[in-house]
Amino acid sequence: MTEPFVPDRPNSWKVRAHSTLPVGKTITHHKNPGASLVRMNDNKGLIFQTEMDVVFSCLWRSEVNEIRQKLYVTVKATNNEIVQLV
């Protein structure tokens, strides 16, 4: 639903061994995932619930690794808003 995210600076997402680093980027210059969910579910009305898979993938030593999580969300079509259900 969105294009791949690329770090603003080449090494800004570089993580040292045995440590963690929160990485992320606000979706501002990419396709709107809320609007994509509305288009994919155009028969469900103005407010509906659906599921979406969030995938984080990275290239590590020439091998692609992925972390996946399924989220259950409410989508409000009037403003393309996505709210995670707990």
PDB file of N, CA and C in Angstrom:
ATOM      1  N   MET A   1       0.812  -1.196   0.000  1.00  0.00           N
ATOM      2  CA  MET A   1       0.000   0.000   0.000  1.00  0.00           C
ATOM      3  C   MET A   1       0.849   1.251   0.000  1.00  0.00           C
ATOM      4  N   THR A   2       2.114   1.116   0.378  1.00  0.00           N
ATOM      5  CA  THR A   2       3.006   2.275   0.338  1.00  0.00           C
ATOM      6  C   THR A   2       4.289   1.871  -0.369  1.00  0.00           C
ATOM      7  N   GLU A   3       5.037   2.844  -0.766  1.00  0.00           N
ATOM      8  CA  GLU A   3       6.344   2.592  -1.370  1.00  0.00           C
ATOM      9  C   GLU A   3       7.338   2.284  -0.258  1.00  0.00           C
ATOM     10  N   PRO A   4       8.448   1.636  -0.581  1.00  0.00           N
ATOM     11  CA  PRO A   4       9.454   1.371   0.467  1.00  0.00           C
ATOM     12  C   PRO A   4       9.983   2.667   1.076  1.00  0.00           C
ATOM     13  N   PHE A   5      10.275   2.608   2.378  1.00  0.00           N
ATOM     14  CA  PHE A   5      10.879   3.739   3.059  1.00  0.00           C
ATOM     15  C   PHE A   5      12.386   3.640   2.927  1.00  0.00           C
ATOM     16  N   VAL A   6      13.009   4.764   2.729  1.00  0.00           N
ATOM     17  CA  VAL A   6      14.458   4.835   2.598  1.00  0.00           C
ATOM     18  C   VAL A   6      14.944   5.853   3.621  1.00  0.00           C
ATOM     19  N   PRO A   7      16.029   5.568   4.337  1.00  0.00           N
ATOM     20  CA  PRO A   7      16.528   6.546   5.315  1.00  0.00           C
ATOM     21  C   PRO A   7      16.840   7.882   4.646  1.00  0.00           C
ATOM     22  N   ASP A   8      16.616   8.967   5.403  1.00  0.00           N
ATOM     23  CA  ASP A   8      16.940  10.299   4.876  1.00  0.00           C
ATOM     24  C   ASP A   8      18.440  10.465   4.678  1.00  0.00           C
ATOM     25  N   ARG A   9      19.205   9.904   5.606  1.00  0.00           N
ATOM     26  CA  ARG A   9      20.667   9.916   5.502  1.00  0.00           C
ATOM     27  C   ARG A   9      21.133   8.476   5.372  1.00  0.00           C
ATOM     28  N   PRO A  10      22.144   8.187   4.582  1.00  0.00           N
ATOM     29  CA  PRO A  10      22.539   6.799   4.288  1.00  0.00           C
ATOM     30  C   PRO A  10      22.746   5.901   5.506  1.00  0.00           C
ATOM     31  N   ASN A  11      23.356   6.373   6.572  1.00  0.00           N
ATOM     32  CA  ASN A  11      23.640   5.511   7.720  1.00  0.00           C
ATOM     33  C   ASN A  11      22.750   5.791   8.931  1.00  0.00           C
ATOM     34  N   SER A  12      21.655   6.510   8.738  1.00  0.00           N
ATOM     35  CA  SER A  12      20.840   6.892   9.889  1.00  0.00           C
ATOM     36  C   SER A  12      20.110   5.705  10.518  1.00  0.00           C
ATOM     37  N   TRP A  13      19.948   4.595   9.806  1.00  0.00           N
ATOM     38  CA  TRP A  13      19.296   3.417  10.361  1.00  0.00           C
ATOM     39  C   TRP A  13      20.295   2.308  10.645  1.00  0.00           C
ATOM     40  N   LYS A  14      21.576   2.631  10.708  1.00  0.00           N
ATOM     41  CA  LYS A  14      22.603   1.633  10.992  1.00  0.00           C
ATOM     42  C   LYS A  14      22.567   1.294  12.487  1.00  0.00           C
ATOM     43  N   VAL A  15      22.498   0.001  12.813  1.00  0.00           N
ATOM     44  CA  VAL A  15      22.370  -0.453  14.193  1.00  0.00           C
ATOM     45  C   VAL A  15      23.631  -1.229  14.583  1.00  0.00           C
ATOM     46  N   ARG A  16      24.210  -0.875  15.742  1.00  0.00           N
ATOM     47  CA  ARG A  16      25.399  -1.572  16.231  1.00  0.00           C
ATOM     48  C   ARG A  16      25.034  -2.979  16.662  1.00  0.00           C
ATOM     49  N   ALA A  17      25.993  -3.872  16.660  1.00  0.00           N
ATOM     50  CA  ALA A  17      25.771  -5.255  17.083  1.00  0.00           C
ATOM     51  C   ALA A  17      25.282  -5.288  18.527  1.00  0.00           C
ATOM     52  N   HIS A  18      24.358  -6.194  18.821  1.00  0.00           N
ATOM     53  CA  HIS A  18      23.814  -6.417  20.164  1.00  0.00           C
ATOM     54  C   HIS A  18      23.100  -5.189  20.723  1.00  0.00           C
ATOM     55  N   SER A  19      22.534  -4.381  19.868  1.00  0.00           N
ATOM     56  CA  SER A  19      21.803  -3.208  20.331  1.00  0.00           C
ATOM     57  C   SER A  19      20.536  -3.063  19.499  1.00  0.00           C
ATOM     58  N   THR A  20      19.711  -2.115  19.881  1.00  0.00           N
ATOM     59  CA  THR A  20      18.480  -1.848  19.145  1.00  0.00           C
ATOM     60  C   THR A  20      18.434  -0.376  18.775  1.00  0.00           C
ATOM     61  N   LEU A  21      17.602  -0.075  17.815  1.00  0.00           N
ATOM     62  CA  LEU A  21      17.420   1.302  17.383  1.00  0.00           C
ATOM     63  C   LEU A  21      16.018   1.427  16.804  1.00  0.00           C
ATOM     64  N   PRO A  22      15.193   2.299  17.366  1.00  0.00           N
ATOM     65  CA  PRO A  22      13.878   2.482  16.742  1.00  0.00           C
ATOM     66  C   PRO A  22      14.056   3.198  15.411  1.00  0.00           C
ATOM     67  N   VAL A  23      13.479   2.648  14.384  1.00  0.00           N
ATOM     68  CA  VAL A  23      13.533   3.283  13.074  1.00  0.00           C
ATOM     69  C   VAL A  23      12.110   3.534  12.629  1.00  0.00           C
ATOM     70  N   GLY A  24      11.934   4.522  11.860  1.00  0.00           N
ATOM     71  CA  GLY A  24      10.598   4.808  11.362  1.00  0.00           C
ATOM     72  C   GLY A  24      10.598   6.080  10.549  1.00  0.00           C
ATOM     73  N   LYS A  25       9.484   6.291   9.933  1.00  0.00           N
ATOM     74  CA  LYS A  25       9.347   7.464   9.101  1.00  0.00           C
ATOM     75  C   LYS A  25       7.857   7.741   8.976  1.00  0.00           C
ATOM     76  N   THR A  26       7.482   8.968   9.086  1.00  0.00           N
ATOM     77  CA  THR A  26       6.087   9.333   8.944  1.00  0.00           C
ATOM     78  C   THR A  26       5.689   9.229   7.481  1.00  0.00           C
ATOM     79  N   ILE A  27       4.526   8.651   7.243  1.00  0.00           N
ATOM     80  CA  ILE A  27       4.064   8.506   5.864  1.00  0.00           C
ATOM     81  C   ILE A  27       3.485   9.838   5.415  1.00  0.00           C
ATOM     82  N   THR A  28       4.311  10.625   4.750  1.00  0.00           N
ATOM     83  CA  THR A  28       3.836  11.915   4.255  1.00  0.00           C
ATOM     84  C   THR A  28       4.010  12.043   2.751  1.00  0.00           C
ATOM     85  N   HIS A  29       5.029  11.406   2.204  1.00  0.00           N
ATOM     86  CA  HIS A  29       5.318  11.547   0.779  1.00  0.00           C
ATOM     87  C   HIS A  29       4.987  10.277   0.017  1.00  0.00           C
ATOM     88  N   HIS A  30       4.221   9.411   0.618  1.00  0.00           N
ATOM     89  CA  HIS A  30       3.898   8.137   0.010  1.00  0.00           C
ATOM     90  C   HIS A  30       2.389   8.007  -0.132  1.00  0.00           C
ATOM     91  N   LYS A  31       1.959   6.961  -0.797  1.00  0.00           N
ATOM     92  CA  LYS A  31       0.531   6.717  -0.922  1.00  0.00           C
ATOM     93  C   LYS A  31      -0.103   6.633   0.457  1.00  0.00           C
ATOM     94  N   ASN A  32      -1.310   7.095   0.567  1.00  0.00           N
ATOM     95  CA  ASN A  32      -2.036   7.100   1.834  1.00  0.00           C
ATOM     96  C   ASN A  32      -2.605   5.704   2.084  1.00  0.00           C
ATOM     97  N   PRO A  33      -2.135   4.991   3.124  1.00  0.00           N
ATOM     98  CA  PRO A  33      -2.652   3.641   3.364  1.00  0.00           C
ATOM     99  C   PRO A  33      -4.132   3.626   3.727  1.00  0.00           C
ATOM    100  N   GLY A  34      -4.627   4.680   4.376  1.00  0.00           N
ATOM    101  CA  GLY A  34      -6.056   4.760   4.676  1.00  0.00           C
ATOM    102  C   GLY A  34      -6.875   4.819   3.401  1.00  0.00           C
ATOM    103  N   ALA A  35      -6.455   5.632   2.459  1.00  0.00           N
ATOM    104  CA  ALA A  35      -7.164   5.735   1.177  1.00  0.00           C
ATOM    105  C   ALA A  35      -7.091   4.419   0.416  1.00  0.00           C
ATOM    106  N   SER A  36      -5.973   3.724   0.504  1.00  0.00           N
ATOM    107  CA  SER A  36      -5.850   2.426  -0.164  1.00  0.00           C
ATOM    108  C   SER A  36      -6.821   1.416   0.432  1.00  0.00           C
ATOM    109  N   LEU A  37      -6.961   1.403   1.770  1.00  0.00           N
ATOM    110  CA  LEU A  37      -7.908   0.489   2.409  1.00  0.00           C
ATOM    111  C   LEU A  37      -9.350   0.824   2.025  1.00  0.00           C
ATOM    112  N   VAL A  38      -9.662   2.100   1.901  1.00  0.00           N
ATOM    113  CA  VAL A  38     -11.009   2.506   1.493  1.00  0.00           C
ATOM    114  C   VAL A  38     -11.286   2.002   0.072  1.00  0.00           C
ATOM    115  N   ARG A  39     -10.335   2.177  -0.845  1.00  0.00           N
ATOM    116  CA  ARG A  39     -10.519   1.712  -2.224  1.00  0.00           C
ATOM    117  C   ARG A  39     -10.663   0.194  -2.284  1.00  0.00           C
ATOM    118  N   MET A  40      -9.901  -0.536  -1.469  1.00  0.00           N
ATOM    119  CA  MET A  40      -9.940  -1.995  -1.483  1.00  0.00           C
ATOM    120  C   MET A  40     -11.230  -2.532  -0.858  1.00  0.00           C
ATOM    121  N   ASN A  41     -11.921  -1.728  -0.074  1.00  0.00           N
ATOM    122  CA  ASN A  41     -13.146  -2.147   0.615  1.00  0.00           C
ATOM    123  C   ASN A  41     -14.295  -1.192   0.311  1.00  0.00           C
ATOM    124  N   ASP A  42     -14.416  -0.768  -0.933  1.00  0.00           N
ATOM    125  CA  ASP A  42     -15.375   0.274  -1.282  1.00  0.00           C
ATOM    126  C   ASP A  42     -16.829  -0.118  -1.066  1.00  0.00           C
ATOM    127  N   ASN A  43     -17.119  -1.379  -0.818  1.00  0.00           N
ATOM    128  CA  ASN A  43     -18.501  -1.810  -0.594  1.00  0.00           C
ATOM    129  C   ASN A  43     -18.857  -1.906   0.887  1.00  0.00           C
ATOM    130  N   LYS A  44     -17.961  -1.493   1.782  1.00  0.00           N
ATOM    131  CA  LYS A  44     -18.180  -1.681   3.223  1.00  0.00           C
ATOM    132  C   LYS A  44     -18.722  -0.447   3.947  1.00  0.00           C
ATOM    133  N   GLY A  45     -18.892   0.669   3.269  1.00  0.00           N
ATOM    134  CA  GLY A  45     -19.463   1.844   3.909  1.00  0.00           C
ATOM    135  C   GLY A  45     -18.426   2.851   4.365  1.00  0.00           C
ATOM    136  N   LEU A  46     -18.887   3.848   5.147  1.00  0.00           N
ATOM    137  CA  LEU A  46     -18.009   4.943   5.571  1.00  0.00           C
ATOM    138  C   LEU A  46     -17.103   4.575   6.739  1.00  0.00           C
ATOM    139  N   ILE A  47     -17.545   3.666   7.602  1.00  0.00           N
ATOM    140  CA  ILE A  47     -16.719   3.202   8.719  1.00  0.00           C
ATOM    141  C   ILE A  47     -16.791   1.680   8.719  1.00  0.00           C
ATOM    142  N   PHE A  48     -15.641   1.029   8.655  1.00  0.00           N
ATOM    143  CA  PHE A  48     -15.620  -0.420   8.619  1.00  0.00           C
ATOM    144  C   PHE A  48     -14.371  -0.947   9.314  1.00  0.00           C
ATOM    145  N   GLN A  49     -14.406  -2.221   9.629  1.00  0.00           N
ATOM    146  CA  GLN A  49     -13.259  -2.876  10.250  1.00  0.00           C
ATOM    147  C   GLN A  49     -12.654  -3.857   9.259  1.00  0.00           C
ATOM    148  N   THR A  50     -11.342  -3.956   9.292  1.00  0.00           N
ATOM    149  CA  THR A  50     -10.635  -4.875   8.410  1.00  0.00           C
ATOM    150  C   THR A  50      -9.310  -5.247   9.059  1.00  0.00           C
ATOM    151  N   GLU A  51      -8.558  -6.077   8.400  1.00  0.00           N
ATOM    152  CA  GLU A  51      -7.234  -6.425   8.896  1.00  0.00           C
ATOM    153  C   GLU A  51      -6.205  -6.003   7.861  1.00  0.00           C
ATOM    154  N   MET A  52      -5.021  -5.710   8.346  1.00  0.00           N
ATOM    155  CA  MET A  52      -3.926  -5.346   7.447  1.00  0.00           C
ATOM    156  C   MET A  52      -2.635  -5.943   7.976  1.00  0.00           C
ATOM    157  N   ASP A  53      -1.754  -6.301   7.081  1.00  0.00           N
ATOM    158  CA  ASP A  53      -0.456  -6.836   7.452  1.00  0.00           C
ATOM    159  C   ASP A  53       0.584  -5.733   7.328  1.00  0.00           C
ATOM    160  N   VAL A  54       1.336  -5.533   8.398  1.00  0.00           N
ATOM    161  CA  VAL A  54       2.435  -4.571   8.379  1.00  0.00           C
ATOM    162  C   VAL A  54       3.716  -5.392   8.264  1.00  0.00           C
ATOM    163  N   VAL A  55       4.547  -5.053   7.294  1.00  0.00           N
ATOM    164  CA  VAL A  55       5.761  -5.819   7.039  1.00  0.00           C
ATOM    165  C   VAL A  55       6.956  -4.885   7.090  1.00  0.00           C
ATOM    166  N   PHE A  56       7.945  -5.278   7.877  1.00  0.00           N
ATOM    167  CA  PHE A  56       9.218  -4.567   7.915  1.00  0.00           C
ATOM    168  C   PHE A  56      10.245  -5.536   7.351  1.00  0.00           C
ATOM    169  N   SER A  57      10.916  -5.140   6.302  1.00  0.00           N
ATOM    170  CA  SER A  57      11.948  -6.009   5.745  1.00  0.00           C
ATOM    171  C   SER A  57      13.246  -5.226   5.646  1.00  0.00           C
ATOM    172  N   CYS A  58      14.330  -5.957   5.806  1.00  0.00           N
ATOM    173  CA  CYS A  58      15.636  -5.319   5.692  1.00  0.00           C
ATOM    174  C   CYS A  58      16.610  -6.289   5.037  1.00  0.00           C
ATOM    175  N   LEU A  59      17.593  -5.721   4.409  1.00  0.00           N
ATOM    176  CA  LEU A  59      18.642  -6.499   3.763  1.00  0.00           C
ATOM    177  C   LEU A  59      19.789  -6.632   4.741  1.00  0.00           C
ATOM    178  N   TRP A  60      20.151  -7.860   5.072  1.00  0.00           N
ATOM    179  CA  TRP A  60      21.215  -8.121   6.031  1.00  0.00           C
ATOM    180  C   TRP A  60      22.154  -9.151   5.439  1.00  0.00           C
ATOM    181  N   ARG A  61      23.380  -8.730   5.156  1.00  0.00           N
ATOM    182  CA  ARG A  61      24.389  -9.625   4.588  1.00  0.00           C
ATOM    183  C   ARG A  61      23.853 -10.354   3.368  1.00  0.00           C
ATOM    184  N   SER A  62      23.299  -9.598   2.465  1.00  0.00           N
ATOM    185  CA  SER A  62      22.751 -10.086   1.199  1.00  0.00           C
ATOM    186  C   SER A  62      21.547 -11.011   1.362  1.00  0.00           C
ATOM    187  N   GLU A  63      20.910 -10.977   2.515  1.00  0.00           N
ATOM    188  CA  GLU A  63      19.722 -11.786   2.752  1.00  0.00           C
ATOM    189  C   GLU A  63      18.599 -10.884   3.251  1.00  0.00           C
ATOM    190  N   VAL A  64      17.408 -11.054   2.695  1.00  0.00           N
ATOM    191  CA  VAL A  64      16.258 -10.250   3.106  1.00  0.00           C
ATOM    192  C   VAL A  64      15.600 -10.910   4.312  1.00  0.00           C
ATOM    193  N   ASN A  65      15.397 -10.144   5.369  1.00  0.00           N
ATOM    194  CA  ASN A  65      14.715 -10.599   6.581  1.00  0.00           C
ATOM    195  C   ASN A  65      13.441  -9.791   6.742  1.00  0.00           C
ATOM    196  N   GLU A  66      12.375 -10.444   7.207  1.00  0.00           N
ATOM    197  CA  GLU A  66      11.094  -9.769   7.360  1.00  0.00           C
ATOM    198  C   GLU A  66      10.513  -9.978   8.750  1.00  0.00           C
ATOM    199  N   ILE A  67       9.842  -8.957   9.229  1.00  0.00           N
ATOM    200  CA  ILE A  67       9.033  -9.036  10.443  1.00  0.00           C
ATOM    201  C   ILE A  67       7.628  -8.668  10.010  1.00  0.00           C
ATOM    202  N   ARG A  68       6.662  -9.517  10.338  1.00  0.00           N
ATOM    203  CA  ARG A  68       5.272  -9.293   9.937  1.00  0.00           C
ATOM    204  C   ARG A  68       4.385  -9.221  11.167  1.00  0.00           C
ATOM    205  N   GLN A  69       3.375  -8.363  11.097  1.00  0.00           N
ATOM    206  CA  GLN A  69       2.380  -8.291  12.151  1.00  0.00           C
ATOM    207  C   GLN A  69       1.030  -7.989  11.527  1.00  0.00           C
ATOM    208  N   LYS A  70       0.026  -8.755  11.903  1.00  0.00           N
ATOM    209  CA  LYS A  70      -1.331  -8.525  11.429  1.00  0.00           C
ATOM    210  C   LYS A  70      -2.013  -7.571  12.409  1.00  0.00           C
ATOM    211  N   LEU A  71      -2.590  -6.507  11.892  1.00  0.00           N
ATOM    212  CA  LEU A  71      -3.308  -5.529  12.706  1.00  0.00           C
ATOM    213  C   LEU A  71      -4.777  -5.533  12.316  1.00  0.00           C
ATOM    214  N   TYR A  72      -5.623  -5.453  13.313  1.00  0.00           N
ATOM    215  CA  TYR A  72      -7.057  -5.295  13.085  1.00  0.00           C
ATOM    216  C   TYR A  72      -7.373  -3.825  13.318  1.00  0.00           C
ATOM    217  N   VAL A  73      -8.000  -3.206  12.334  1.00  0.00           N
ATOM    218  CA  VAL A  73      -8.175  -1.762  12.359  1.00  0.00           C
ATOM    219  C   VAL A  73      -9.612  -1.371  12.013  1.00  0.00           C
ATOM    220  N   THR A  74      -9.984  -0.174  12.465  1.00  0.00           N
ATOM    221  CA  THR A  74     -11.199   0.488  12.010  1.00  0.00           C
ATOM    222  C   THR A  74     -10.759   1.565  11.025  1.00  0.00           C
ATOM    223  N   VAL A  75     -11.436   1.619   9.884  1.00  0.00           N
ATOM    224  CA  VAL A  75     -11.120   2.614   8.858  1.00  0.00           C
ATOM    225  C   VAL A  75     -12.296   3.573   8.746  1.00  0.00           C
ATOM    226  N   LYS A  76     -11.999   4.866   8.806  1.00  0.00           N
ATOM    227  CA  LYS A  76     -13.021   5.902   8.641  1.00  0.00           C
ATOM    228  C   LYS A  76     -12.807   6.527   7.264  1.00  0.00           C
ATOM    229  N   ALA A  77     -13.695   6.197   6.338  1.00  0.00           N
ATOM    230  CA  ALA A  77     -13.511   6.572   4.938  1.00  0.00           C
ATOM    231  C   ALA A  77     -13.603   8.076   4.701  1.00  0.00           C
ATOM    232  N   THR A  78     -14.317   8.800   5.547  1.00  0.00           N
ATOM    233  CA  THR A  78     -14.498  10.232   5.298  1.00  0.00           C
ATOM    234  C   THR A  78     -13.185  11.011   5.382  1.00  0.00           C
ATOM    235  N   ASN A  79     -12.251  10.537   6.219  1.00  0.00           N
ATOM    236  CA  ASN A  79     -10.958  11.229   6.309  1.00  0.00           C
ATOM    237  C   ASN A  79      -9.767  10.271   6.177  1.00  0.00           C
ATOM    238  N   ASN A  80     -10.030   9.047   5.643  1.00  0.00           N
ATOM    239  CA  ASN A  80      -8.970   8.044   5.412  1.00  0.00           C
ATOM    240  C   ASN A  80      -8.170   7.751   6.677  1.00  0.00           C
ATOM    241  N   GLU A  81      -8.842   7.705   7.824  1.00  0.00           N
ATOM    242  CA  GLU A  81      -8.183   7.480   9.098  1.00  0.00           C
ATOM    243  C   GLU A  81      -8.181   5.996   9.430  1.00  0.00           C
ATOM    244  N   ILE A  82      -7.062   5.511   9.972  1.00  0.00           N
ATOM    245  CA  ILE A  82      -6.915   4.120  10.413  1.00  0.00           C
ATOM    246  C   ILE A  82      -6.694   4.151  11.917  1.00  0.00           C
ATOM    247  N   VAL A  83      -7.520   3.365  12.662  1.00  0.00           N
ATOM    248  CA  VAL A  83      -7.381   3.277  14.115  1.00  0.00           C
ATOM    249  C   VAL A  83      -7.226   1.803  14.460  1.00  0.00           C
ATOM    250  N   GLN A  84      -6.159   1.462  15.160  1.00  0.00           N
ATOM    251  CA  GLN A  84      -5.923   0.064  15.521  1.00  0.00           C
ATOM    252  C   GLN A  84      -6.910  -0.383  16.595  1.00  0.00           C
ATOM    253  N   LEU A  85      -7.475  -1.571  16.412  1.00  0.00           N
ATOM    254  CA  LEU A  85      -8.343  -2.176  17.420  1.00  0.00           C
ATOM    255  C   LEU A  85      -7.464  -2.918  18.401  1.00  0.00           C
ATOM    256  N   VAL A  86      -7.800  -2.838  19.669  1.00  0.00           N
ATOM    257  CA  VAL A  86      -6.982  -3.504  20.684  1.00  0.00           C
ATOM    258  C   VAL A  86      -7.542  -4.860  20.992  1.00  0.00           C
TER     259      VAL A  86
END
